[in-house]
C-alpha atoms as a PDB file:
ATOM      1  CA  MET A   1      40.833   4.513 -22.087  1.00  0.00           C
ATOM      2  CA  SER A   2      42.215   1.209 -23.325  1.00  0.00           C
ATOM      3  CA  TYR A   3      42.655  -2.167 -21.689  1.00  0.00           C
ATOM      4  CA  ASP A   4      46.209  -3.377 -22.327  1.00  0.00           C
ATOM      5  CA  ASN A   5      46.744  -7.065 -22.990  1.00  0.00           C
ATOM      6  CA  GLN A   6      43.394  -8.135 -21.530  1.00  0.00           C
ATOM      7  CA  MET A   7      43.623  -6.107 -18.312  1.00  0.00           C
ATOM      8  CA  ARG A   8      47.240  -6.725 -17.268  1.00  0.00           C
ATOM      9  CA  ASN A   9      47.421  -2.946 -16.857  1.00  0.00           C
ATOM     10  CA  TRP A  10      43.843  -2.285 -15.797  1.00  0.00           C
ATOM     11  CA  PRO A  11      43.084   1.477 -15.696  1.00  0.00           C
ATOM     12  CA  ALA A  12      40.786   2.335 -12.823  1.00  0.00           C
ATOM     13  CA  GLU A  13      38.016   4.545 -14.209  1.00  0.00           C
ATOM     14  CA  GLY A  14      37.474   5.915 -10.735  1.00  0.00           C
ATOM     15  CA  PHE A  15      41.096   6.920 -10.100  1.00  0.00           C
ATOM     16  CA  GLY A  16      43.331   7.690 -13.033  1.00  0.00           C
ATOM     17  CA  PRO A  17      46.835   6.245 -13.348  1.00  0.00           C
ATOM     18  CA  ARG A  18      47.552   2.761 -14.667  1.00  0.00           C
ATOM     19  CA  ILE A  19      48.735   0.361 -12.004  1.00  0.00           C
ATOM     20  CA  ARG A  20      49.820  -3.202 -12.578  1.00  0.00           C
ATOM     21  CA  ARG A  21      47.299  -5.831 -11.581  1.00  0.00           C
ATOM     22  CA  ARG A  22      49.720  -7.696  -9.292  1.00  0.00           C
ATOM     23  CA  GLU A  23      49.908  -4.557  -7.164  1.00  0.00           C
ATOM     24  CA  PHE A  24      46.098  -4.366  -7.070  1.00  0.00           C
ATOM     25  CA  VAL A  25      45.990  -7.942  -5.817  1.00  0.00           C
ATOM     26  CA  ALA A  26      48.671  -7.269  -3.212  1.00  0.00           C
ATOM     27  CA  GLY A  27      46.695  -4.297  -1.925  1.00  0.00           C
ATOM     28  CA  ALA A  28      43.481  -6.293  -1.858  1.00  0.00           C
ATOM     29  CA  LEU A  29      45.067  -9.106   0.129  1.00  0.00           C
ATOM     30  CA  ALA A  30      46.065  -6.550   2.754  1.00  0.00           C
ATOM     31  CA  MET A  31      42.387  -5.998   3.528  1.00  0.00           C
ATOM     32  CA  THR A  32      41.306  -8.041   6.553  1.00  0.00           C
ATOM     33  CA  LEU A  33      38.392 -10.443   6.405  1.00  0.00           C
ATOM     34  CA  ALA A  34      36.636  -8.323   9.008  1.00  0.00           C
ATOM     35  CA  GLN A  35      36.900  -5.252   6.791  1.00  0.00           C
ATOM     36  CA  GLU A  36      35.581  -7.176   3.795  1.00  0.00           C
ATOM     37  CA  ALA A  37      32.570  -8.494   5.664  1.00  0.00           C
ATOM     38  CA  ARG A  38      31.698  -5.330   7.570  1.00  0.00           C
ATOM     39  CA  ALA A  39      27.990  -4.552   7.623  1.00  0.00           C
ATOM     40  CA  GLY A  40      27.437  -6.245   4.281  1.00  0.00           C
ATOM     41  CA  ARG A  41      24.560  -8.375   3.098  1.00  0.00           C
ATOM     42  CA  ALA A  42      25.440 -11.347   0.893  1.00  0.00           C
ATOM     43  CA  PRO A  43      23.612 -11.136  -2.448  1.00  0.00           C
ATOM     44  CA  GLN A  44      21.046 -13.718  -3.367  1.00  0.00           C
ATOM     45  CA  ALA A  45      20.680 -14.881  -6.963  1.00  0.00           C
ATOM     46  CA  GLY A  46      20.057 -11.843  -9.161  1.00  0.00           C
ATOM     47  CA  GLU A  47      20.748  -9.362  -6.333  1.00  0.00           C
ATOM     48  CA  MET A  48      23.513  -6.852  -5.735  1.00  0.00           C
ATOM     49  CA  TRP A  49      25.677  -6.861  -2.612  1.00  0.00           C
ATOM     50  CA  SER A  50      25.081  -3.856  -0.398  1.00  0.00           C
ATOM     51  CA  ARG A  51      26.022  -2.391   2.947  1.00  0.00           C
ATOM     52  CA  THR A  52      23.663  -0.143   4.898  1.00  0.00           C
ATOM     53  CA  GLU A  53      24.624   2.351   7.580  1.00  0.00           C
ATOM     54  CA  GLY A  54      22.456   4.518   9.803  1.00  0.00           C
ATOM     55  CA  GLU A  55      18.728   5.232   9.994  1.00  0.00           C
ATOM     56  CA  GLY A  56      16.552   7.944   8.510  1.00  0.00           C
ATOM     57  CA  ARG A  57      16.071   9.214   4.986  1.00  0.00           C
ATOM     58  CA  ASP A  58      17.472   7.025   2.233  1.00  0.00           C
ATOM     59  CA  LEU A  59      20.642   7.938   0.345  1.00  0.00           C
ATOM     60  CA  ILE A  60      21.967   5.711  -2.456  1.00  0.00           C
ATOM     61  CA  PHE A  61      25.682   5.713  -3.387  1.00  0.00           C
ATOM     62  CA  VAL A  62      26.749   4.569  -6.870  1.00  0.00           C
ATOM     63  CA  HIS A  63      30.450   3.951  -7.422  1.00  0.00           C
ATOM     64  CA  GLY A  64      32.529   4.346 -10.588  1.00  0.00           C
ATOM     65  CA  TRP A  65      33.458   1.767 -13.227  1.00  0.00           C
ATOM     66  CA  THR A  66      35.678  -1.071 -11.913  1.00  0.00           C
ATOM     67  CA  MET A  67      35.319   0.384  -8.409  1.00  0.00           C
ATOM     68  CA  ASP A  68      33.012  -0.742  -5.596  1.00  0.00           C
ATOM     69  CA  HIS A  69      31.314   0.426  -2.418  1.00  0.00           C
ATOM     70  CA  ARG A  70      34.604   0.878  -0.539  1.00  0.00           C
ATOM     71  CA  ASP A  71      35.512   4.117  -2.273  1.00  0.00           C
ATOM     72  CA  GLU A  72      32.090   5.628  -1.556  1.00  0.00           C
ATOM     73  CA  ALA A  73      32.033   4.528   2.095  1.00  0.00           C
ATOM     74  CA  ARG A  74      35.612   5.653   2.647  1.00  0.00           C
ATOM     75  CA  THR A  75      34.792   9.074   1.186  1.00  0.00           C
ATOM     76  CA  TYR A  76      31.437   9.759   2.814  1.00  0.00           C
ATOM     77  CA  GLU A  77      31.209   7.865   6.110  1.00  0.00           C
ATOM     78  CA  PRO A  78      33.508  10.277   8.013  1.00  0.00           C
ATOM     79  CA  ILE A  79      31.055  13.047   7.105  1.00  0.00           C
ATOM     80  CA  PHE A  80      27.988  11.134   8.284  1.00  0.00           C
ATOM     81  CA  ALA A  81      29.603  10.406  11.628  1.00  0.00           C
ATOM     82  CA  ASN A  82      28.371  13.907  12.476  1.00  0.00           C
ATOM     83  CA  ARG A  83      25.193  13.890  10.363  1.00  0.00           C
ATOM     84  CA  PRO A  84      22.603  11.467  11.788  1.00  0.00           C
ATOM     85  CA  GLY A  85      19.232  10.967  10.141  1.00  0.00           C
ATOM     86  CA  TRP A  86      20.372   9.277   6.926  1.00  0.00           C
ATOM     87  CA  ARG A  87      20.151   5.625   5.934  1.00  0.00           C
ATOM     88  CA  ARG A  88      23.112   5.149   3.589  1.00  0.00           C
ATOM     89  CA  HIS A  89      23.089   2.379   0.996  1.00  0.00           C
ATOM     90  CA  TYR A  90      26.521   1.450  -0.379  1.00  0.00           C
ATOM     91  CA  LEU A  91      26.116  -1.057  -3.189  1.00  0.00           C
ATOM     92  CA  ASP A  92      28.308  -3.004  -5.599  1.00  0.00           C
ATOM     93  CA  LEU A  93      27.136  -2.913  -9.205  1.00  0.00           C
ATOM     94  CA  PRO A  94      27.033  -6.253 -11.083  1.00  0.00           C
ATOM     95  CA  GLY A  95      30.497  -7.589 -11.848  1.00  0.00           C
ATOM     96  CA  MET A  96      32.112  -5.244  -9.330  1.00  0.00           C
ATOM     97  CA  GLY A  97      33.001  -5.700  -5.683  1.00  0.00           C
ATOM     98  CA  ARG A  98      31.057  -8.596  -4.201  1.00  0.00           C
ATOM     99  CA  SER A  99      28.210  -8.546  -6.722  1.00  0.00           C
ATOM    100  CA  PRO A 100      28.454 -11.300  -9.342  1.00  0.00           C
ATOM    101  CA  ARG A 101      28.083 -10.650 -13.031  1.00  0.00           C
ATOM    102  CA  ARG A 102      24.681 -10.996 -14.647  1.00  0.00           C
ATOM    103  CA  GLU A 103      24.782 -12.632 -18.036  1.00  0.00           C
ATOM    104  CA  ASN A 104      21.754 -10.647 -19.214  1.00  0.00           C
ATOM    105  CA  ILE A 105      23.608  -7.329 -18.682  1.00  0.00           C
ATOM    106  CA  VAL A 106      25.473  -6.421 -21.853  1.00  0.00           C
ATOM    107  CA  ASN A 107      25.483  -2.611 -21.689  1.00  0.00           C
ATOM    108  CA  LEU A 108      24.879   0.371 -19.414  1.00  0.00           C
ATOM    109  CA  ASP A 109      21.128   0.101 -19.967  1.00  0.00           C
ATOM    110  CA  GLY A 110      21.345  -3.241 -18.181  1.00  0.00           C
ATOM    111  CA  MET A 111      23.383  -1.704 -15.362  1.00  0.00           C
ATOM    112  CA  LEU A 112      20.782   1.032 -14.974  1.00  0.00           C
ATOM    113  CA  GLU A 113      17.938  -1.487 -14.847  1.00  0.00           C
ATOM    114  CA  ALA A 114      19.768  -3.414 -12.119  1.00  0.00           C
ATOM    115  CA  LEU A 115      20.222  -0.188 -10.151  1.00  0.00           C
ATOM    116  CA  LEU A 116      16.561   0.753 -10.569  1.00  0.00           C
ATOM    117  CA  ASP A 117      15.515  -2.715  -9.374  1.00  0.00           C
ATOM    118  CA  PHE A 118      17.750  -2.345  -6.310  1.00  0.00           C
ATOM    119  CA  ILE A 119      16.163   0.982  -5.400  1.00  0.00           C
ATOM    120  CA  GLN A 120      12.632  -0.336  -5.907  1.00  0.00           C
ATOM    121  CA  ASP A 121      13.429  -3.301  -3.655  1.00  0.00           C
ATOM    122  CA  ARG A 122      15.194  -1.427  -0.847  1.00  0.00           C
ATOM    123  CA  VAL A 123      13.675   2.057  -0.722  1.00  0.00           C
ATOM    124  CA  GLU A 124      10.166   3.209   0.025  1.00  0.00           C
ATOM    125  CA  GLY A 125       9.169   6.715  -0.912  1.00  0.00           C
ATOM    126  CA  THR A 126      11.684   9.433  -1.673  1.00  0.00           C
ATOM    127  CA  PHE A 127      15.481   9.273  -1.592  1.00  0.00           C
ATOM    128  CA  ALA A 128      18.665  11.135  -2.514  1.00  0.00           C
ATOM    129  CA  ILE A 129      21.426   9.755  -4.713  1.00  0.00           C
ATOM    130  CA  ALA A 130      25.187  10.280  -4.996  1.00  0.00           C
ATOM    131  CA  GLY A 131      27.204   8.983  -7.947  1.00  0.00           C
ATOM    132  CA  THR A 132      30.875   9.031  -8.901  1.00  0.00           C
ATOM    133  CA  SER A 133      32.207   9.039 -12.474  1.00  0.00           C
ATOM    134  CA  THR A 134      30.210   6.392 -14.379  1.00  0.00           C
ATOM    135  CA  GLY A 135      28.104   6.100 -11.233  1.00  0.00           C
ATOM    136  CA  ALA A 136      27.148   9.771 -11.673  1.00  0.00           C
ATOM    137  CA  TYR A 137      26.077   8.968 -15.250  1.00  0.00           C
ATOM    138  CA  LEU A 138      23.908   6.112 -13.987  1.00  0.00           C
ATOM    139  CA  ALA A 139      22.589   8.316 -11.167  1.00  0.00           C
ATOM    140  CA  ARG A 140      21.342  10.760 -13.796  1.00  0.00           C
ATOM    141  CA  GLY A 141      19.650   7.822 -15.479  1.00  0.00           C
ATOM    142  CA  VAL A 142      17.898   7.101 -12.186  1.00  0.00           C
ATOM    143  CA  ILE A 143      16.765  10.724 -11.932  1.00  0.00           C
ATOM    144  CA  ALA A 144      15.474  10.575 -15.522  1.00  0.00           C
ATOM    145  CA  ARG A 145      13.426   7.474 -14.700  1.00  0.00           C
ATOM    146  CA  MET A 146      12.429   8.144 -11.079  1.00  0.00           C
ATOM    147  CA  GLY A 147      12.749  11.917 -10.804  1.00  0.00           C
ATOM    148  CA  ASP A 148       9.530  12.385  -8.829  1.00  0.00           C
ATOM    149  CA  ARG A 149      11.066  10.378  -5.977  1.00  0.00           C
ATOM    150  CA  VAL A 150      14.570  11.886  -5.979  1.00  0.00           C
ATOM    151  CA  ARG A 151      15.049  14.719  -3.472  1.00  0.00           C
ATOM    152  CA  GLY A 152      18.707  15.540  -4.099  1.00  0.00           C
ATOM    153  CA  ALA A 153      21.873  14.494  -5.918  1.00  0.00           C
ATOM    154  CA  ILE A 154      25.657  14.586  -5.656  1.00  0.00           C
ATOM    155  CA  LEU A 155      27.610  14.138  -8.882  1.00  0.00           C
ATOM    156  CA  ARG A 156      31.309  13.600  -8.093  1.00  0.00           C
ATOM    157  CA  ALA A 157      33.724  13.738 -11.044  1.00  0.00           C
ATOM    158  CA  PRO A 158      30.740  12.984 -13.282  1.00  0.00           C
ATOM    159  CA  MET A 159      31.105  11.226 -16.609  1.00  0.00           C
ATOM    160  CA  ILE A 160      29.214  13.217 -19.222  1.00  0.00           C
ATOM    161  CA  ILE A 161      30.427  11.752 -22.517  1.00  0.00           C
ATOM    162  CA  PRO A 162      30.907   7.956 -22.470  1.00  0.00           C
ATOM    163  CA  ASP A 163      33.062   7.967 -25.627  1.00  0.00           C
ATOM    164  CA  ASP A 164      36.644   8.650 -24.488  1.00  0.00           C
ATOM    165  CA  SER A 165      37.633  10.107 -27.858  1.00  0.00           C
ATOM    166  CA  ARG A 166      35.033  12.882 -27.596  1.00  0.00           C
ATOM    167  CA  ARG A 167      35.856  14.075 -24.065  1.00  0.00           C
ATOM    168  CA  ASP A 168      37.379  17.514 -23.496  1.00  0.00           C
ATOM    169  CA  VAL A 169      40.245  16.426 -21.232  1.00  0.00           C
ATOM    170  CA  ASP A 170      43.624  17.930 -20.415  1.00  0.00           C
ATOM    171  CA  PRO A 171      46.638  15.743 -19.645  1.00  0.00           C
ATOM    172  CA  ILE A 172      47.946  15.717 -16.098  1.00  0.00           C
ATOM    173  CA  GLU A 173      50.459  18.512 -15.508  1.00  0.00           C
ATOM    174  CA  PRO A 174      51.795  18.788 -11.952  1.00  0.00           C
ATOM    175  CA  VAL A 175      50.659  21.979 -10.249  1.00  0.00           C
ATOM    176  CA  LEU A 176      53.462  21.730  -7.687  1.00  0.00           C
ATOM    177  CA  ARG A 177      56.784  20.113  -8.587  1.00  0.00           C
ATOM    178  CA  ASP A 178      59.318  18.896  -6.069  1.00  0.00           C
ATOM    179  CA  PRO A 179      61.931  16.504  -7.482  1.00  0.00           C
ATOM    180  CA  SER A 180      63.077  15.649  -3.964  1.00  0.00           C
ATOM    181  CA  VAL A 181      59.657  14.124  -3.172  1.00  0.00           C
ATOM    182  CA  LEU A 182      59.846  11.920  -6.250  1.00  0.00           C
ATOM    183  CA  ALA A 183      63.437  10.965  -5.493  1.00  0.00           C
ATOM    184  CA  GLU A 184      62.462   9.703  -2.065  1.00  0.00           C
ATOM    185  CA  MET A 185      59.726   7.449  -3.464  1.00  0.00           C
ATOM    186  CA  SER A 186      60.380   3.821  -4.313  1.00  0.00           C
ATOM    187  CA  ALA A 187      60.320   2.739  -7.953  1.00  0.00           C
ATOM    188  CA  GLY A 188      57.137   0.825  -7.203  1.00  0.00           C
ATOM    189  CA  ASP A 189      55.395   3.900  -5.802  1.00  0.00           C
ATOM    190  CA  ARG A 190      56.552   6.014  -8.728  1.00  0.00           C
ATOM    191  CA  GLU A 191      54.914   3.554 -11.097  1.00  0.00           C
ATOM    192  CA  ARG A 192      51.777   3.112  -8.994  1.00  0.00           C
ATOM    193  CA  LEU A 193      51.126   6.797  -8.390  1.00  0.00           C
ATOM    194  CA  GLY A 194      51.881   7.865 -11.951  1.00  0.00           C
ATOM    195  CA  GLU A 195      52.222  11.562 -12.763  1.00  0.00           C
ATOM    196  CA  LEU A 196      51.809  13.048  -9.296  1.00  0.00           C
ATOM    197  CA  LEU A 197      49.606  16.134  -9.577  1.00  0.00           C
ATOM    198  CA  VAL A 198      50.780  17.658  -6.295  1.00  0.00           C
ATOM    199  CA  GLN A 199      54.330  16.655  -5.461  1.00  0.00           C
ATOM    200  CA  THR A 200      54.242  16.946  -1.687  1.00  0.00           C
ATOM    201  CA  PRO A 201      54.736  14.177   0.876  1.00  0.00           C
ATOM    202  CA  SER A 202      51.185  14.608   2.236  1.00  0.00           C
ATOM    203  CA  TYR A 203      49.547  14.362  -1.195  1.00  0.00           C
ATOM    204  CA  ALA A 204      51.621  11.313  -2.152  1.00  0.00           C
ATOM    205  CA  ALA A 205      50.727   9.624   1.145  1.00  0.00           C
ATOM    206  CA  ALA A 206      47.020  10.396   0.733  1.00  0.00           C
ATOM    207  CA  LYS A 207      46.980   9.047  -2.802  1.00  0.00           C
ATOM    208  CA  ARG A 208      48.840   5.917  -1.719  1.00  0.00           C
ATOM    209  CA  ARG A 209      46.260   5.314   1.040  1.00  0.00           C
ATOM    210  CA  LYS A 210      43.395   5.633  -1.419  1.00  0.00           C
ATOM    211  CA  LEU A 211      45.067   3.131  -3.744  1.00  0.00           C
ATOM    212  CA  ASP A 212      45.614   0.634  -0.955  1.00  0.00           C
ATOM    213  CA  GLU A 213      42.274   1.025   0.801  1.00  0.00           C
ATOM    214  CA  ALA A 214      39.820   1.504  -2.074  1.00  0.00           C
ATOM    215  CA  VAL A 215      41.215   1.243  -5.588  1.00  0.00           C
ATOM    216  CA  ALA A 216      43.371  -1.867  -5.297  1.00  0.00           C
ATOM    217  CA  PRO A 217      40.744  -4.073  -3.607  1.00  0.00           C
ATOM    218  CA  ALA A 218      38.092  -2.963  -6.094  1.00  0.00           C
ATOM    219  CA  ILE A 219      40.225  -3.658  -9.149  1.00  0.00           C
ATOM    220  CA  ALA A 220      41.227  -7.050  -7.760  1.00  0.00           C
ATOM    221  CA  ALA A 221      37.580  -7.976  -7.172  1.00  0.00           C
ATOM    222  CA  ALA A 222      36.270  -6.758 -10.547  1.00  0.00           C
ATOM    223  CA  ASP A 223      35.056  -9.318 -13.091  1.00  0.00           C
ATOM    224  CA  GLN A 224      37.438  -8.186 -15.799  1.00  0.00           C
ATOM    225  CA  ALA A 225      36.091 -10.085 -18.781  1.00  0.00           C
ATOM    226  CA  PHE A 226      32.484  -9.130 -18.022  1.00  0.00           C
ATOM    227  CA  LEU A 227      33.287  -5.437 -17.638  1.00  0.00           C
ATOM    228  CA  ALA A 228      35.633  -5.290 -20.636  1.00  0.00           C
ATOM    229  CA  ALA A 229      32.909  -6.623 -22.917  1.00  0.00           C
ATOM    230  CA  ILE A 230      30.919  -3.491 -22.067  1.00  0.00           C
ATOM    231  CA  ARG A 231      33.713  -0.944 -21.677  1.00  0.00           C
ATOM    232  CA  GLN A 232      35.520  -1.769 -24.926  1.00  0.00           C
ATOM    233  CA  GLN A 233      32.408  -1.284 -27.060  1.00  0.00           C
ATOM    234  CA  PRO A 234      31.258   2.366 -27.348  1.00  0.00           C
ATOM    235  CA  SER A 235      27.757   1.236 -28.303  1.00  0.00           C
ATOM    236  CA  ARG A 236      27.514  -0.696 -25.026  1.00  0.00           C
ATOM    237  CA  TYR A 237      29.253   1.783 -22.746  1.00  0.00           C
ATOM    238  CA  ARG A 238      26.448   4.326 -22.950  1.00  0.00           C
ATOM    239  CA  LEU A 239      22.763   4.586 -22.214  1.00  0.00           C
ATOM    240  CA  SER A 240      20.383   4.312 -25.135  1.00  0.00           C
ATOM    241  CA  PHE A 241      18.988   7.740 -24.183  1.00  0.00           C
ATOM    242  CA  ASP A 242      20.511  11.046 -23.116  1.00  0.00           C
ATOM    243  CA  PRO A 243      19.839  11.172 -19.364  1.00  0.00           C
ATOM    244  CA  ASP A 244      20.283  14.933 -19.115  1.00  0.00           C
ATOM    245  CA  ALA A 245      17.841  15.625 -21.945  1.00  0.00           C
ATOM    246  CA  ALA A 246      15.411  13.198 -20.333  1.00  0.00           C
ATOM    247  CA  ILE A 247      15.710  14.985 -16.975  1.00  0.00           C
ATOM    248  CA  GLY A 248      15.192  18.391 -18.560  1.00  0.00           C
ATOM    249  CA  ARG A 249      15.239  20.290 -15.282  1.00  0.00           C
ATOM    250  CA  PHE A 250      15.909  19.040 -11.758  1.00  0.00           C
ATOM    251  CA  ASP A 251      14.704  21.421  -9.056  1.00  0.00           C
ATOM    252  CA  GLN A 252      16.068  19.652  -5.977  1.00  0.00           C
ATOM    253  CA  PRO A 253      19.334  20.508  -4.153  1.00  0.00           C
ATOM    254  CA  ALA A 254      22.352  19.178  -6.034  1.00  0.00           C
ATOM    255  CA  LEU A 255      26.114  19.263  -5.680  1.00  0.00           C
ATOM    256  CA  ILE A 256      28.338  18.858  -8.744  1.00  0.00           C
ATOM    257  CA  ILE A 257      32.029  18.490  -7.940  1.00  0.00           C
ATOM    258  CA  THR A 258      34.601  18.366 -10.730  1.00  0.00           C
ATOM    259  CA  GLY A 259      38.391  18.312 -10.731  1.00  0.00           C
ATOM    260  CA  ARG A 260      40.263  21.082 -12.537  1.00  0.00           C
ATOM    261  CA  HIS A 261      42.906  18.499 -13.433  1.00  0.00           C
ATOM    262  CA  ASP A 262      40.641  15.495 -14.042  1.00  0.00           C
ATOM    263  CA  GLU A 263      42.516  13.368 -16.560  1.00  0.00           C
ATOM    264  CA  SER A 264      39.631  10.947 -17.199  1.00  0.00           C
ATOM    265  CA  VAL A 265      36.417  12.932 -17.762  1.00  0.00           C
ATOM    266  CA  GLY A 266      37.677  16.523 -17.454  1.00  0.00           C
ATOM    267  CA  TYR A 267      35.498  19.319 -16.132  1.00  0.00           C
ATOM    268  CA  ARG A 268      34.403  21.418 -19.126  1.00  0.00           C
ATOM    269  CA  ASP A 269      31.992  18.779 -20.444  1.00  0.00           C
ATOM    270  CA  ALA A 270      30.066  19.063 -17.185  1.00  0.00           C
ATOM    271  CA  TRP A 271      29.160  22.762 -17.537  1.00  0.00           C
ATOM    272  CA  PRO A 272      25.744  22.023 -19.141  1.00  0.00           C
ATOM    273  CA  LEU A 273      24.714  20.209 -15.961  1.00  0.00           C
ATOM    274  CA  ALA A 274      24.399  23.603 -14.276  1.00  0.00           C
ATOM    275  CA  ARG A 275      21.303  24.274 -16.409  1.00  0.00           C
ATOM    276  CA  VAL A 276      19.768  20.849 -15.879  1.00  0.00           C
ATOM    277  CA  PHE A 277      20.337  20.918 -12.123  1.00  0.00           C
ATOM    278  CA  ALA A 278      18.698  24.243 -11.396  1.00  0.00           C
ATOM    279  CA  ARG A 279      19.535  24.184  -7.677  1.00  0.00           C
ATOM    280  CA  SER A 280      23.088  22.970  -7.987  1.00  0.00           C
ATOM    281  CA  THR A 281      26.290  24.145  -6.420  1.00  0.00           C
ATOM    282  CA  PHE A 282      28.838  23.635  -9.193  1.00  0.00           C
ATOM    283  CA  VAL A 283      32.464  23.354  -8.102  1.00  0.00           C
ATOM    284  CA  VAL A 284      35.699  23.057 -10.067  1.00  0.00           C
ATOM    285  CA  LEU A 285      38.385  22.142  -7.543  1.00  0.00           C
ATOM    286  CA  ASP A 286      41.975  23.095  -8.142  1.00  0.00           C
ATOM    287  CA  ARG A 287      44.528  20.430  -7.103  1.00  0.00           C
ATOM    288  CA  ALA A 288      41.895  17.794  -7.886  1.00  0.00           C
ATOM    289  CA  GLU A 289      42.108  14.895 -10.313  1.00  0.00           C
ATOM    290  CA  HIS A 290      39.565  12.204 -11.158  1.00  0.00           C
ATOM    291  CA  GLY A 291      39.997  10.442  -7.826  1.00  0.00           C
ATOM    292  CA  LEU A 292      38.938  13.512  -5.828  1.00  0.00           C
ATOM    293  CA  PRO A 293      39.112  14.151  -2.975  1.00  0.00           C
ATOM    294  CA  ILE A 294      42.687  12.999  -2.452  1.00  0.00           C
ATOM    295  CA  ASP A 295      43.860  15.358   0.301  1.00  0.00           C
ATOM    296  CA  GLN A 296      40.972  17.861   0.173  1.00  0.00           C
ATOM    297  CA  GLN A 297      38.609  16.217   2.612  1.00  0.00           C
ATOM    298  CA  ARG A 298      38.043  19.461   4.511  1.00  0.00           C
ATOM    299  CA  VAL A 299      36.614  21.389   1.562  1.00  0.00           C
ATOM    300  CA  PHE A 300      34.798  18.283   0.322  1.00  0.00           C
ATOM    301  CA  THR A 301      33.188  17.835   3.752  1.00  0.00           C
ATOM    302  CA  ALA A 302      32.095  21.481   3.797  1.00  0.00           C
ATOM    303  CA  LEU A 303      30.465  21.120   0.372  1.00  0.00           C
ATOM    304  CA  VAL A 304      28.629  17.922   1.322  1.00  0.00           C
ATOM    305  CA  ASN A 305      27.470  19.421   4.622  1.00  0.00           C
ATOM    306  CA  ASP A 306      26.100  22.438   2.758  1.00  0.00           C
ATOM    307  CA  TRP A 307      24.223  20.066   0.424  1.00  0.00           C
ATOM    308  CA  LEU A 308      22.795  18.189   3.416  1.00  0.00           C
ATOM    309  CA  ASP A 309      21.741  21.492   4.989  1.00  0.00           C
ATOM    310  CA  ARG A 310      19.913  22.404   1.783  1.00  0.00           C
ATOM    311  CA  LEU A 311      18.186  19.010   1.756  1.00  0.00           C
ATOM    312  CA  ASP A 312      17.067  19.539   5.362  1.00  0.00           C
ATOM    313  CA  GLU A 313      15.754  22.965   4.463  1.00  0.00           C
ATOM    314  CA  ALA A 314      13.897  21.691   1.400  1.00  0.00           C
ATOM    315  CA  SER A 315      12.362  18.747   3.262  1.00  0.00           C
ATOM    316  CA  ALA A 316      10.677  21.127   5.697  1.00  0.00           C
ATOM    317  CA  PHE A 317       8.644  22.442   2.763  1.00  0.00           C
ATOM    318  CA  ASP A 318       8.127  19.053   1.075  1.00  0.00           C
ATOM    319  CA  PRO A 319       5.089  17.107   2.297  1.00  0.00           C
ATOM    320  CA  GLY A 320       6.061  14.252  -0.038  1.00  0.00           C
ATOM    321  CA  ALA A 321       9.413  13.576   1.639  1.00  0.00           C
ATOM    322  CA  ARG A 322       9.371  10.381   3.668  1.00  0.00           C
ATOM    323  CA  SER A 323      11.795   9.689   6.469  1.00  0.00           C
ATOM    324  CA  ARG A 324      12.528   6.583   8.435  1.00  0.00           C
ATOM    325  CA  PRO A 325      12.566   6.683  12.224  1.00  0.00           C
ATOM    326  CA  GLY A 326      16.014   7.043  13.716  1.00  0.00           C
END
């Protein structure tokens, strides 16, 4: 995925279509100061910004490249409104969201080390982890390095192969076409939303909301030069080890959710994860692209609730699982 003219058409790794930066900035400015500051902790020197919700067992959320905590919180918090007992950590990786760049980070190994340091600083005992896209790649790095402490994982639209040219990806082809829906959209929306996978008013509205509420603010906040220096170099945009080979076998409850129409990382490259994650539910969602879930929150919620049920079940038999009071 290229960066055109030094990010003037920044492609959001965590969403899909190219959208002009001025529209990202306009969307970001629509966010209120109260929304920006909500529940967050300002980072000290060398720290990452994070927001914590709830009490109980620890669950770490790792967002995708150029994204930030807003997409994770927006996706998962409605589910946890009915699932108490979890202390949710929504963080911003260095150079993304409200976390400043770190000059000593020049590749994904550095990003992983920063994530590991965050977990060591904030979490005692065991925890679960949920990662999206590149965040799912880094989450597998965490499992490879701290597997004895990880009690479960969600991998949403997981990146398997960092090198774009080697990914098994299909181009977006609309599954439902309705020219009247496109005709009613403004020229700006047509350009922003790109090739609309599901051409219905509800899908278009849901995708527009995700752009405005999560993607646009994240892209506007991203440190473009810092991230491009990593993303544009294949030798930097990868871990120095194969995280899945290093994991070998993960015997804790896992949920792997892929999009049948994912235009960024695809779904076929993820099949080998089913062997590594021996207790995984592996899902290929129709009507789903890289930014899943767009308008499939009901099925997504059911899958996450099933994963949480399996974690509860497993913890009853796990004397090593630590929980916080709450």
